[in-house]
Amino acid sequence: MKAFAGIAVAALVSCWSASAVAVETARIVDLDGKPVANAVVFLSGSATPALAPPQPVVVDQVDKQFVPRISVIRTGTEVIFPNSDAVSHHVYSFANPNNFELPLYQSKQQRNVMFEHAGLVTLGCNIHDSMLGYILVVDTPFFAVANEAGEFDFAWEDQLTEATTLRIWSPELADGQIQDAFRKSPRQFMVSQRQSAGHDLSDSSLDWSDY
């Protein structure tokens, strides 16, 4: 793995054949052209329009994993943490000021948490060490999460001006840092940051009968 790799956002244009309406799509790749899956992109410095309160977002627990593994939400969003597993979970985060703890709760139960502050929330389970998830809380309604191909809907491209900054976060970036995307052309952006070696997903979980 190269010590440093850039992440480029190469904007593509696609068209819905049914409606003939152009849909702006961006693709996040590194300097080798490989997609960066599940990265979060959002605008910083944009004026926030008058919006209705955000709807709750669900982060489920399925097969001893957080689903979705990566979420992005507006400040003031309530996140619902259902337990769809056949075992109990004890969900927590140390991310001040968004730290929280949901003591052990069983299958088919759920807990809710309101996130009032911007920042990265790393999720864990006190019972299953292999469980790892992320919620990025942002002060803007202009955000997206890339898919496995590194592509995301860029419908809010018109909000990107000289007064705003496109920012990118991915667990593949070292130290969990949010990075500015530098504009290389009208439809291309780049950030440079050391890549992470990734998280050890070795399973040290307990079965229900072991609790």
N, C-alpha and C. Protein backbone atom coordinates (compact mmCIF):
# COMPACT_ATOMS: atom_id res chain seq x y z
N MET A 1 0.84 -1.20 0.00
CA MET A 1 0.00 0.00 0.00
C MET A 1 0.88 1.24 0.00
N LYS A 2 0.58 2.20 -0.80
CA LYS A 2 1.35 3.43 -0.84
C LYS A 2 1.17 4.19 0.46
N ALA A 3 2.23 4.87 0.89
CA ALA A 3 2.15 5.62 2.14
C ALA A 3 1.12 6.71 2.06
N PHE A 4 1.07 7.38 0.92
CA PHE A 4 0.07 8.42 0.75
C PHE A 4 -0.71 8.15 -0.52
N ALA A 5 -1.99 8.42 -0.42
CA ALA A 5 -2.85 8.28 -1.60
C ALA A 5 -3.85 9.40 -1.60
N GLY A 6 -4.14 9.90 -2.76
CA GLY A 6 -5.15 10.95 -2.84
C GLY A 6 -6.50 10.35 -3.10
N ILE A 7 -7.50 11.09 -2.77
CA ILE A 7 -8.86 10.69 -3.09
C ILE A 7 -9.43 11.75 -4.00
N ALA A 8 -9.78 11.37 -5.16
CA ALA A 8 -10.32 12.31 -6.12
C ALA A 8 -11.81 12.12 -6.23
N VAL A 9 -12.50 13.17 -6.46
CA VAL A 9 -13.94 13.10 -6.71
C VAL A 9 -14.14 13.48 -8.16
N ALA A 10 -14.36 12.50 -8.98
CA ALA A 10 -14.53 12.75 -10.41
C ALA A 10 -16.01 12.74 -10.71
N ALA A 11 -16.55 13.85 -11.07
CA ALA A 11 -17.99 13.98 -11.28
C ALA A 11 -18.37 13.40 -12.62
N LEU A 12 -19.43 12.64 -12.61
CA LEU A 12 -19.97 12.04 -13.81
C LEU A 12 -21.39 12.54 -14.00
N VAL A 13 -21.89 12.46 -15.20
CA VAL A 13 -23.28 12.84 -15.46
C VAL A 13 -24.00 11.64 -16.03
N SER A 14 -25.12 11.30 -15.42
CA SER A 14 -25.95 10.23 -15.93
C SER A 14 -27.34 10.78 -16.19
N CYS A 15 -28.17 9.99 -16.83
CA CYS A 15 -29.50 10.47 -17.21
C CYS A 15 -30.51 9.36 -16.96
N TRP A 16 -31.60 9.72 -16.28
CA TRP A 16 -32.68 8.76 -16.09
C TRP A 16 -33.43 8.63 -17.43
N SER A 17 -33.42 7.44 -18.00
CA SER A 17 -34.04 7.26 -19.31
C SER A 17 -35.55 7.48 -19.25
N ALA A 18 -36.16 7.18 -18.09
CA ALA A 18 -37.61 7.30 -18.00
C ALA A 18 -38.06 8.74 -18.00
N SER A 19 -37.30 9.62 -17.35
CA SER A 19 -37.72 11.01 -17.20
C SER A 19 -36.89 11.98 -18.01
N ALA A 20 -35.75 11.51 -18.53
CA ALA A 20 -34.83 12.36 -19.30
C ALA A 20 -34.36 13.55 -18.49
N VAL A 21 -34.28 13.37 -17.15
CA VAL A 21 -33.79 14.42 -16.27
C VAL A 21 -32.36 14.06 -15.88
N ALA A 22 -31.44 15.01 -16.10
CA ALA A 22 -30.04 14.75 -15.77
C ALA A 22 -29.86 14.67 -14.26
N VAL A 23 -29.15 13.66 -13.81
CA VAL A 23 -28.86 13.48 -12.40
C VAL A 23 -27.35 13.53 -12.23
N GLU A 24 -26.88 14.49 -11.45
CA GLU A 24 -25.45 14.62 -11.25
C GLU A 24 -24.97 13.54 -10.28
N THR A 25 -23.95 12.82 -10.70
CA THR A 25 -23.39 11.77 -9.87
C THR A 25 -21.89 11.98 -9.76
N ALA A 26 -21.37 11.86 -8.55
CA ALA A 26 -19.92 11.97 -8.34
C ALA A 26 -19.36 10.62 -7.96
N ARG A 27 -18.13 10.40 -8.32
CA ARG A 27 -17.46 9.13 -7.99
C ARG A 27 -16.16 9.45 -7.28
N ILE A 28 -15.96 8.83 -6.13
CA ILE A 28 -14.77 9.05 -5.33
C ILE A 28 -13.77 7.94 -5.62
N VAL A 29 -12.58 8.32 -6.07
CA VAL A 29 -11.54 7.34 -6.37
C VAL A 29 -10.23 7.82 -5.79
N ASP A 30 -9.30 6.88 -5.61
CA ASP A 30 -7.95 7.28 -5.22
C ASP A 30 -7.12 7.55 -6.46
N LEU A 31 -5.86 7.88 -6.30
CA LEU A 31 -5.02 8.25 -7.44
C LEU A 31 -4.77 7.08 -8.39
N ASP A 32 -5.04 5.86 -7.90
CA ASP A 32 -4.91 4.70 -8.77
C ASP A 32 -6.21 4.39 -9.50
N GLY A 33 -7.22 5.25 -9.30
CA GLY A 33 -8.49 5.05 -9.96
C GLY A 33 -9.41 4.07 -9.27
N LYS A 34 -9.06 3.61 -8.07
CA LYS A 34 -9.89 2.66 -7.35
C LYS A 34 -10.95 3.42 -6.54
N PRO A 35 -12.19 2.94 -6.54
CA PRO A 35 -13.25 3.64 -5.81
C PRO A 35 -13.03 3.57 -4.30
N VAL A 36 -13.43 4.63 -3.63
CA VAL A 36 -13.42 4.66 -2.16
C VAL A 36 -14.87 4.49 -1.71
N ALA A 37 -15.21 3.30 -1.28
CA ALA A 37 -16.59 2.98 -0.97
C ALA A 37 -17.02 3.59 0.36
N ASN A 38 -18.30 3.98 0.42
CA ASN A 38 -18.95 4.38 1.67
C ASN A 38 -18.36 5.62 2.32
N ALA A 39 -17.69 6.47 1.55
CA ALA A 39 -17.18 7.72 2.09
C ALA A 39 -18.32 8.72 2.23
N VAL A 40 -18.21 9.59 3.23
CA VAL A 40 -19.19 10.66 3.44
C VAL A 40 -18.67 11.93 2.81
N VAL A 41 -19.53 12.64 2.06
CA VAL A 41 -19.19 13.96 1.53
C VAL A 41 -20.26 14.94 2.00
N PHE A 42 -19.84 16.17 2.31
CA PHE A 42 -20.80 17.17 2.75
C PHE A 42 -20.23 18.56 2.51
N LEU A 43 -21.10 19.57 2.53
CA LEU A 43 -20.68 20.95 2.35
C LEU A 43 -20.44 21.62 3.68
N SER A 44 -19.38 22.38 3.76
CA SER A 44 -19.07 23.20 4.93
C SER A 44 -19.16 24.66 4.53
N GLY A 45 -19.77 25.47 5.38
CA GLY A 45 -19.88 26.89 5.11
C GLY A 45 -21.10 27.29 4.34
N SER A 46 -21.97 26.35 4.01
CA SER A 46 -23.18 26.66 3.26
C SER A 46 -24.24 27.23 4.20
N ALA A 47 -25.03 28.17 3.69
CA ALA A 47 -26.14 28.70 4.46
C ALA A 47 -27.20 27.61 4.60
N THR A 48 -27.70 27.43 5.81
CA THR A 48 -28.69 26.39 6.05
C THR A 48 -30.09 26.95 5.82
N PRO A 49 -30.82 26.43 4.85
CA PRO A 49 -32.17 26.92 4.60
C PRO A 49 -33.12 26.51 5.73
N ALA A 50 -34.26 27.17 5.79
CA ALA A 50 -35.27 26.78 6.77
C ALA A 50 -35.78 25.39 6.44
N LEU A 51 -35.64 24.47 7.36
CA LEU A 51 -36.00 23.09 7.11
C LEU A 51 -36.88 22.56 8.22
N ALA A 52 -37.69 21.59 7.88
CA ALA A 52 -38.46 20.88 8.90
C ALA A 52 -37.49 20.07 9.76
N PRO A 53 -37.88 19.76 10.99
CA PRO A 53 -37.01 18.92 11.83
C PRO A 53 -36.68 17.62 11.11
N PRO A 54 -35.45 17.15 11.25
CA PRO A 54 -35.07 15.92 10.54
C PRO A 54 -35.84 14.71 11.04
N GLN A 55 -36.09 13.79 10.13
CA GLN A 55 -36.76 12.55 10.49
C GLN A 55 -35.77 11.60 11.19
N PRO A 56 -36.27 10.75 12.07
CA PRO A 56 -35.37 9.78 12.72
C PRO A 56 -34.67 8.89 11.71
N VAL A 57 -33.48 8.45 12.06
CA VAL A 57 -32.66 7.57 11.23
C VAL A 57 -32.44 6.27 12.00
N VAL A 58 -32.45 5.16 11.30
CA VAL A 58 -32.29 3.84 11.93
C VAL A 58 -30.88 3.31 11.70
N VAL A 59 -30.22 2.90 12.77
CA VAL A 59 -28.98 2.13 12.70
C VAL A 59 -29.25 0.81 13.40
N ASP A 60 -29.45 -0.24 12.61
CA ASP A 60 -29.86 -1.54 13.15
C ASP A 60 -28.64 -2.34 13.60
N GLN A 61 -28.92 -3.46 14.25
CA GLN A 61 -27.88 -4.41 14.65
C GLN A 61 -28.28 -5.78 14.11
N VAL A 62 -27.55 -6.22 13.09
CA VAL A 62 -27.88 -7.43 12.35
C VAL A 62 -26.61 -8.27 12.21
N ASP A 63 -26.70 -9.55 12.57
CA ASP A 63 -25.54 -10.46 12.47
C ASP A 63 -24.32 -9.87 13.18
N LYS A 64 -24.55 -9.24 14.32
CA LYS A 64 -23.50 -8.66 15.16
C LYS A 64 -22.71 -7.59 14.41
N GLN A 65 -23.43 -6.82 13.60
CA GLN A 65 -22.84 -5.66 12.91
C GLN A 65 -23.84 -4.52 12.92
N PHE A 66 -23.32 -3.29 12.86
CA PHE A 66 -24.19 -2.13 12.71
C PHE A 66 -24.57 -1.99 11.24
N VAL A 67 -25.86 -1.76 10.98
CA VAL A 67 -26.37 -1.66 9.62
C VAL A 67 -27.25 -0.42 9.51
N PRO A 68 -26.82 0.59 8.71
CA PRO A 68 -25.58 0.62 7.94
C PRO A 68 -24.37 0.86 8.83
N ARG A 69 -23.21 0.48 8.31
CA ARG A 69 -21.98 0.68 9.07
C ARG A 69 -21.63 2.16 9.16
N ILE A 70 -21.95 2.93 8.10
CA ILE A 70 -21.66 4.36 8.06
C ILE A 70 -22.93 5.12 7.76
N SER A 71 -23.23 6.13 8.59
CA SER A 71 -24.38 6.99 8.38
C SER A 71 -23.93 8.45 8.50
N VAL A 72 -24.69 9.34 7.85
CA VAL A 72 -24.47 10.78 8.02
C VAL A 72 -25.83 11.40 8.30
N ILE A 73 -25.87 12.28 9.30
CA ILE A 73 -27.13 12.88 9.73
C ILE A 73 -26.92 14.36 10.03
N ARG A 74 -28.03 15.12 10.02
CA ARG A 74 -28.01 16.52 10.46
C ARG A 74 -28.00 16.57 11.98
N THR A 75 -27.43 17.65 12.53
CA THR A 75 -27.56 17.89 13.95
C THR A 75 -29.04 17.97 14.31
N GLY A 76 -29.38 17.47 15.48
CA GLY A 76 -30.77 17.45 15.90
C GLY A 76 -31.55 16.25 15.41
N THR A 77 -30.84 15.24 14.89
CA THR A 77 -31.50 14.02 14.40
C THR A 77 -31.51 12.96 15.48
N GLU A 78 -32.64 12.30 15.63
CA GLU A 78 -32.76 11.17 16.54
C GLU A 78 -32.41 9.90 15.79
N VAL A 79 -31.54 9.08 16.39
CA VAL A 79 -31.18 7.80 15.78
C VAL A 79 -31.80 6.68 16.60
N ILE A 80 -32.48 5.78 15.90
CA ILE A 80 -33.11 4.61 16.52
C ILE A 80 -32.16 3.43 16.38
N PHE A 81 -31.86 2.77 17.49
CA PHE A 81 -30.97 1.62 17.51
C PHE A 81 -31.78 0.36 17.86
N PRO A 82 -32.44 -0.25 16.86
CA PRO A 82 -33.12 -1.52 17.15
C PRO A 82 -32.11 -2.66 17.25
N ASN A 83 -32.52 -3.70 17.94
CA ASN A 83 -31.71 -4.92 18.02
C ASN A 83 -32.43 -6.01 17.26
N SER A 84 -31.98 -6.28 16.04
CA SER A 84 -32.59 -7.32 15.21
C SER A 84 -31.87 -8.66 15.32
N ASP A 85 -30.92 -8.74 16.24
CA ASP A 85 -30.21 -10.00 16.46
C ASP A 85 -30.95 -10.86 17.48
N ALA A 86 -30.52 -12.10 17.60
CA ALA A 86 -31.07 -13.03 18.59
C ALA A 86 -30.28 -12.97 19.89
N VAL A 87 -29.35 -12.02 19.99
CA VAL A 87 -28.54 -11.84 21.19
C VAL A 87 -28.69 -10.41 21.67
N SER A 88 -28.28 -10.15 22.89
CA SER A 88 -28.33 -8.80 23.45
C SER A 88 -27.13 -7.99 23.01
N HIS A 89 -27.30 -6.66 22.99
CA HIS A 89 -26.21 -5.74 22.67
C HIS A 89 -26.14 -4.63 23.71
N HIS A 90 -24.96 -4.05 23.85
CA HIS A 90 -24.71 -2.95 24.77
C HIS A 90 -23.96 -1.89 23.96
N VAL A 91 -24.70 -0.95 23.37
CA VAL A 91 -24.15 0.00 22.41
C VAL A 91 -23.65 1.24 23.14
N TYR A 92 -22.53 1.78 22.67
CA TYR A 92 -21.95 2.96 23.31
C TYR A 92 -21.10 3.75 22.33
N SER A 93 -20.76 4.97 22.72
CA SER A 93 -19.75 5.76 22.02
C SER A 93 -19.08 6.69 23.03
N PHE A 94 -17.77 6.86 22.89
CA PHE A 94 -17.01 7.77 23.74
C PHE A 94 -16.85 9.15 23.11
N ALA A 95 -17.55 9.42 22.01
CA ALA A 95 -17.33 10.63 21.20
C ALA A 95 -17.96 11.86 21.87
N ASN A 96 -17.22 12.52 22.75
CA ASN A 96 -17.71 13.75 23.38
C ASN A 96 -17.88 14.85 22.34
N PRO A 97 -18.94 15.67 22.37
CA PRO A 97 -20.02 15.66 23.37
C PRO A 97 -21.20 14.77 22.97
N ASN A 98 -20.99 13.89 22.00
CA ASN A 98 -22.06 12.98 21.57
C ASN A 98 -21.95 11.60 22.22
N ASN A 99 -21.21 11.53 23.34
CA ASN A 99 -21.05 10.23 23.99
C ASN A 99 -22.39 9.75 24.58
N PHE A 100 -22.57 8.44 24.56
CA PHE A 100 -23.79 7.85 25.10
C PHE A 100 -23.54 6.39 25.43
N GLU A 101 -24.47 5.80 26.17
CA GLU A 101 -24.40 4.37 26.50
C GLU A 101 -25.82 3.82 26.54
N LEU A 102 -26.03 2.70 25.87
CA LEU A 102 -27.31 2.00 25.86
C LEU A 102 -27.08 0.65 26.51
N PRO A 103 -27.34 0.55 27.82
CA PRO A 103 -27.06 -0.71 28.53
C PRO A 103 -27.75 -1.90 27.88
N LEU A 104 -27.25 -3.05 28.21
CA LEU A 104 -27.64 -4.32 27.60
C LEU A 104 -29.14 -4.40 27.35
N TYR A 105 -29.52 -4.59 26.08
CA TYR A 105 -30.94 -4.78 25.75
C TYR A 105 -31.09 -5.91 24.75
N GLN A 106 -32.24 -6.57 24.83
CA GLN A 106 -32.43 -7.84 24.16
C GLN A 106 -32.95 -7.69 22.74
N SER A 107 -33.04 -8.84 22.07
CA SER A 107 -33.57 -8.91 20.72
C SER A 107 -34.97 -8.32 20.65
N LYS A 108 -35.23 -7.63 19.53
CA LYS A 108 -36.53 -7.01 19.22
C LYS A 108 -36.82 -5.76 20.05
N GLN A 109 -35.89 -5.36 20.90
CA GLN A 109 -36.01 -4.09 21.60
C GLN A 109 -35.26 -3.01 20.84
N GLN A 110 -35.49 -1.75 21.20
CA GLN A 110 -34.76 -0.65 20.57
C GLN A 110 -34.52 0.46 21.58
N ARG A 111 -33.51 1.28 21.28
CA ARG A 111 -33.19 2.45 22.09
C ARG A 111 -33.00 3.63 21.14
N ASN A 112 -33.26 4.85 21.61
CA ASN A 112 -33.16 6.05 20.79
C ASN A 112 -32.15 7.01 21.40
N VAL A 113 -31.41 7.71 20.53
CA VAL A 113 -30.44 8.72 20.97
C VAL A 113 -30.59 9.95 20.07
N MET A 114 -30.63 11.13 20.68
CA MET A 114 -30.66 12.39 19.93
C MET A 114 -29.25 12.95 19.84
N PHE A 115 -28.83 13.33 18.63
CA PHE A 115 -27.48 13.87 18.42
C PHE A 115 -27.59 15.36 18.11
N GLU A 116 -27.14 16.18 19.06
CA GLU A 116 -27.29 17.63 18.97
C GLU A 116 -26.02 18.35 18.53
N HIS A 117 -24.91 17.64 18.43
CA HIS A 117 -23.63 18.28 18.16
C HIS A 117 -22.96 17.66 16.93
N ALA A 118 -22.33 18.51 16.12
CA ALA A 118 -21.60 18.02 14.94
C ALA A 118 -20.35 17.26 15.38
N GLY A 119 -19.99 16.26 14.61
CA GLY A 119 -18.78 15.50 14.89
C GLY A 119 -18.94 14.04 14.53
N LEU A 120 -17.84 13.32 14.61
CA LEU A 120 -17.82 11.89 14.29
C LEU A 120 -18.14 11.08 15.53
N VAL A 121 -19.10 10.18 15.41
CA VAL A 121 -19.50 9.28 16.49
C VAL A 121 -19.10 7.86 16.09
N THR A 122 -18.15 7.29 16.81
CA THR A 122 -17.75 5.91 16.56
C THR A 122 -18.54 5.00 17.50
N LEU A 123 -19.22 4.01 16.91
CA LEU A 123 -20.09 3.13 17.66
C LEU A 123 -19.39 1.81 17.99
N GLY A 124 -19.66 1.31 19.20
CA GLY A 124 -19.15 0.01 19.58
C GLY A 124 -20.19 -0.74 20.40
N CYS A 125 -19.92 -2.01 20.64
CA CYS A 125 -20.76 -2.83 21.50
C CYS A 125 -19.88 -3.39 22.60
N ASN A 126 -20.31 -3.23 23.85
CA ASN A 126 -19.52 -3.66 24.98
C ASN A 126 -19.47 -5.18 25.11
N ILE A 127 -20.32 -5.88 24.35
CA ILE A 127 -20.35 -7.34 24.39
C ILE A 127 -19.61 -7.94 23.21
N HIS A 128 -19.73 -7.30 22.04
CA HIS A 128 -19.15 -7.83 20.80
C HIS A 128 -18.10 -6.85 20.28
N ASP A 129 -16.84 -7.15 20.54
CA ASP A 129 -15.76 -6.23 20.20
C ASP A 129 -15.61 -6.01 18.71
N SER A 130 -16.09 -6.96 17.89
CA SER A 130 -15.93 -6.82 16.44
C SER A 130 -16.92 -5.82 15.84
N MET A 131 -17.92 -5.40 16.60
CA MET A 131 -18.92 -4.46 16.07
C MET A 131 -18.33 -3.05 16.04
N LEU A 132 -18.39 -2.43 14.88
CA LEU A 132 -17.85 -1.08 14.72
C LEU A 132 -18.71 -0.35 13.69
N GLY A 133 -19.16 0.83 14.05
CA GLY A 133 -19.96 1.64 13.14
C GLY A 133 -19.64 3.11 13.32
N TYR A 134 -20.12 3.93 12.39
CA TYR A 134 -19.82 5.36 12.42
C TYR A 134 -21.06 6.16 12.07
N ILE A 135 -21.27 7.25 12.79
CA ILE A 135 -22.27 8.25 12.45
C ILE A 135 -21.56 9.59 12.38
N LEU A 136 -21.60 10.25 11.22
CA LEU A 136 -21.04 11.58 11.09
C LEU A 136 -22.20 12.58 11.20
N VAL A 137 -22.15 13.44 12.21
CA VAL A 137 -23.18 14.45 12.44
C VAL A 137 -22.69 15.77 11.86
N VAL A 138 -23.47 16.38 10.97
CA VAL A 138 -23.03 17.59 10.27
C VAL A 138 -24.08 18.70 10.41
N ASP A 139 -23.60 19.94 10.31
CA ASP A 139 -24.46 21.13 10.43
C ASP A 139 -24.96 21.59 9.07
N THR A 140 -25.35 20.68 8.21
CA THR A 140 -25.80 21.04 6.87
C THR A 140 -26.74 19.96 6.35
N PRO A 141 -27.71 20.32 5.52
CA PRO A 141 -28.55 19.30 4.88
C PRO A 141 -27.95 18.76 3.59
N PHE A 142 -26.76 19.28 3.20
CA PHE A 142 -26.15 18.90 1.92
C PHE A 142 -25.06 17.87 2.17
N PHE A 143 -25.44 16.61 2.07
CA PHE A 143 -24.50 15.52 2.33
C PHE A 143 -24.94 14.27 1.59
N ALA A 144 -24.03 13.32 1.51
CA ALA A 144 -24.32 12.03 0.86
C ALA A 144 -23.32 11.00 1.33
N VAL A 145 -23.66 9.73 1.16
CA VAL A 145 -22.74 8.62 1.42
C VAL A 145 -22.54 7.88 0.11
N ALA A 146 -21.30 7.68 -0.27
CA ALA A 146 -21.00 6.96 -1.51
C ALA A 146 -21.39 5.49 -1.38
N ASN A 147 -21.69 4.87 -2.51
CA ASN A 147 -22.00 3.45 -2.51
C ASN A 147 -20.72 2.63 -2.64
N GLU A 148 -20.86 1.33 -2.87
CA GLU A 148 -19.69 0.46 -2.95
C GLU A 148 -18.80 0.79 -4.14
N ALA A 149 -19.38 1.44 -5.16
CA ALA A 149 -18.61 1.84 -6.34
C ALA A 149 -18.01 3.23 -6.17
N GLY A 150 -18.16 3.82 -4.99
CA GLY A 150 -17.62 5.15 -4.76
C GLY A 150 -18.47 6.26 -5.35
N GLU A 151 -19.71 5.96 -5.74
CA GLU A 151 -20.57 6.94 -6.40
C GLU A 151 -21.63 7.46 -5.44
N PHE A 152 -22.01 8.72 -5.60
CA PHE A 152 -23.07 9.30 -4.79
C PHE A 152 -23.83 10.35 -5.59
N ASP A 153 -25.07 10.58 -5.18
CA ASP A 153 -25.93 11.57 -5.82
C ASP A 153 -25.43 12.96 -5.44
N PHE A 154 -25.11 13.77 -6.45
CA PHE A 154 -24.56 15.11 -6.22
C PHE A 154 -25.60 16.16 -6.60
N ALA A 155 -26.85 15.92 -6.18
CA ALA A 155 -27.96 16.78 -6.56
C ALA A 155 -27.81 18.20 -6.01
N TRP A 156 -27.00 18.37 -4.97
CA TRP A 156 -26.81 19.69 -4.37
C TRP A 156 -25.53 20.37 -4.87
N GLU A 157 -25.07 19.99 -6.06
CA GLU A 157 -23.85 20.58 -6.62
C GLU A 157 -23.96 22.09 -6.75
N ASP A 158 -25.17 22.61 -7.01
CA ASP A 158 -25.32 24.06 -7.19
C ASP A 158 -25.07 24.82 -5.90
N GLN A 159 -25.00 24.12 -4.77
CA GLN A 159 -24.69 24.76 -3.49
C GLN A 159 -23.19 24.95 -3.28
N LEU A 160 -22.39 24.32 -4.13
CA LEU A 160 -20.94 24.42 -4.01
C LEU A 160 -20.47 25.71 -4.67
N THR A 161 -20.05 26.68 -3.87
CA THR A 161 -19.62 27.98 -4.36
C THR A 161 -18.26 28.31 -3.77
N GLU A 162 -17.77 29.53 -4.08
CA GLU A 162 -16.48 29.95 -3.52
C GLU A 162 -16.56 30.09 -2.00
N ALA A 163 -17.77 30.25 -1.47
CA ALA A 163 -17.94 30.42 -0.04
C ALA A 163 -18.10 29.10 0.71
N THR A 164 -18.19 28.00 -0.02
CA THR A 164 -18.38 26.70 0.61
C THR A 164 -17.22 25.77 0.28
N THR A 165 -17.11 24.70 1.08
CA THR A 165 -16.05 23.72 0.90
C THR A 165 -16.64 22.33 0.89
N LEU A 166 -16.26 21.54 -0.09
CA LEU A 166 -16.64 20.13 -0.11
C LEU A 166 -15.67 19.37 0.79
N ARG A 167 -16.22 18.62 1.73
CA ARG A 167 -15.39 17.89 2.67
C ARG A 167 -15.69 16.39 2.56
N ILE A 168 -14.70 15.59 2.90
CA ILE A 168 -14.80 14.14 2.75
C ILE A 168 -14.30 13.47 4.03
N TRP A 169 -15.03 12.44 4.45
CA TRP A 169 -14.56 11.59 5.54
C TRP A 169 -14.76 10.13 5.16
N SER A 170 -13.78 9.32 5.51
CA SER A 170 -13.87 7.89 5.28
C SER A 170 -13.04 7.19 6.35
N PRO A 171 -13.47 6.01 6.82
CA PRO A 171 -12.62 5.27 7.77
C PRO A 171 -11.31 4.83 7.14
N GLU A 172 -11.19 4.94 5.81
CA GLU A 172 -9.93 4.59 5.16
C GLU A 172 -8.89 5.70 5.29
N LEU A 173 -9.32 6.89 5.73
CA LEU A 173 -8.38 7.98 5.97
C LEU A 173 -7.81 7.85 7.38
N ALA A 174 -6.52 8.03 7.52
CA ALA A 174 -5.87 7.83 8.80
C ALA A 174 -6.41 8.78 9.85
N ASP A 175 -6.47 8.31 11.08
CA ASP A 175 -6.84 9.11 12.25
C ASP A 175 -8.26 9.63 12.20
N GLY A 176 -9.07 9.14 11.29
CA GLY A 176 -10.46 9.56 11.22
C GLY A 176 -10.65 11.03 10.94
N GLN A 177 -9.74 11.63 10.21
CA GLN A 177 -9.80 13.06 9.96
C GLN A 177 -10.73 13.40 8.80
N ILE A 178 -11.52 14.47 8.98
CA ILE A 178 -12.32 15.02 7.88
C ILE A 178 -11.41 15.90 7.05
N GLN A 179 -11.42 15.71 5.74
CA GLN A 179 -10.49 16.40 4.86
C GLN A 179 -11.22 17.33 3.89
N ASP A 180 -10.61 18.49 3.59
CA ASP A 180 -11.12 19.35 2.53
C ASP A 180 -10.83 18.72 1.18
N ALA A 181 -11.76 18.86 0.26
CA ALA A 181 -11.55 18.41 -1.11
C ALA A 181 -11.15 19.63 -1.94
N PHE A 182 -9.97 19.58 -2.52
CA PHE A 182 -9.47 20.72 -3.28
C PHE A 182 -9.96 20.64 -4.73
N ARG A 183 -10.45 21.76 -5.23
CA ARG A 183 -11.01 21.78 -6.57
C ARG A 183 -9.88 21.79 -7.61
N LYS A 184 -9.86 20.77 -8.43
CA LYS A 184 -8.86 20.67 -9.49
C LYS A 184 -9.41 21.14 -10.83
N SER A 185 -10.71 21.07 -11.01
CA SER A 185 -11.38 21.50 -12.23
C SER A 185 -12.84 21.72 -11.85
N PRO A 186 -13.66 22.24 -12.74
CA PRO A 186 -15.06 22.46 -12.38
C PRO A 186 -15.77 21.22 -11.85
N ARG A 187 -15.29 20.03 -12.23
CA ARG A 187 -16.00 18.83 -11.82
C ARG A 187 -15.06 17.78 -11.23
N GLN A 188 -13.97 18.23 -10.63
CA GLN A 188 -13.04 17.29 -10.03
C GLN A 188 -12.44 17.89 -8.77
N PHE A 189 -12.36 17.05 -7.73
CA PHE A 189 -11.83 17.49 -6.44
C PHE A 189 -10.85 16.44 -5.93
N MET A 190 -9.96 16.85 -5.02
CA MET A 190 -8.96 15.92 -4.53
C MET A 190 -8.57 16.26 -3.10
N VAL A 191 -8.35 15.23 -2.30
CA VAL A 191 -7.73 15.41 -0.98
C VAL A 191 -6.59 14.41 -0.87
N SER A 192 -5.58 14.75 -0.11
CA SER A 192 -4.44 13.86 0.09
C SER A 192 -4.31 13.56 1.57
N GLN A 193 -4.23 12.29 1.88
CA GLN A 193 -4.16 11.88 3.29
C GLN A 193 -3.66 10.46 3.36
N ARG A 194 -2.88 10.18 4.40
CA ARG A 194 -2.41 8.82 4.60
C ARG A 194 -3.59 7.88 4.79
N GLN A 195 -3.55 6.71 4.16
CA GLN A 195 -4.64 5.75 4.30
C GLN A 195 -4.45 4.89 5.55
N SER A 196 -5.58 4.47 6.10
CA SER A 196 -5.57 3.62 7.28
C SER A 196 -5.37 2.17 6.87
N ALA A 197 -4.82 1.39 7.78
CA ALA A 197 -4.66 -0.04 7.52
C ALA A 197 -5.97 -0.79 7.74
N GLY A 198 -6.97 -0.10 8.27
CA GLY A 198 -8.27 -0.74 8.46
C GLY A 198 -8.44 -1.27 9.87
N HIS A 199 -9.65 -1.73 10.18
CA HIS A 199 -10.00 -2.20 11.51
C HIS A 199 -9.95 -3.71 11.57
N ASP A 200 -9.42 -4.23 12.67
CA ASP A 200 -9.38 -5.67 12.88
C ASP A 200 -10.77 -6.17 13.25
N LEU A 201 -11.36 -6.96 12.38
CA LEU A 201 -12.72 -7.45 12.60
C LEU A 201 -12.75 -8.87 13.16
N SER A 202 -11.66 -9.26 13.85
CA SER A 202 -11.67 -10.59 14.44
C SER A 202 -12.79 -10.67 15.48
N ASP A 203 -13.52 -11.77 15.49
CA ASP A 203 -14.73 -11.90 16.29
C ASP A 203 -14.40 -12.49 17.66
N SER A 204 -14.60 -11.66 18.70
CA SER A 204 -14.45 -12.15 20.06
C SER A 204 -15.79 -12.14 20.76
N SER A 205 -16.88 -12.35 20.00
CA SER A 205 -18.24 -12.23 20.51
C SER A 205 -18.61 -13.42 21.38
N LEU A 206 -19.65 -13.20 22.18
CA LEU A 206 -20.22 -14.26 23.00
C LEU A 206 -21.56 -14.67 22.40
N ASP A 207 -21.89 -15.95 22.49
CA ASP A 207 -23.21 -16.41 22.12
C ASP A 207 -24.17 -16.13 23.27
N TRP A 208 -25.47 -16.13 22.95
CA TRP A 208 -26.48 -15.83 23.95
C TRP A 208 -26.36 -16.77 25.16
N SER A 209 -26.05 -18.03 24.90
CA SER A 209 -25.96 -19.02 25.99
C SER A 209 -24.79 -18.76 26.92
N ASP A 210 -23.82 -17.92 26.47
CA ASP A 210 -22.63 -17.64 27.27
C ASP A 210 -22.81 -16.44 28.18
N TYR A 211 -23.92 -15.67 28.05
CA TYR A 211 -24.08 -14.45 28.82
C TYR A 211 -24.35 -14.80 30.29
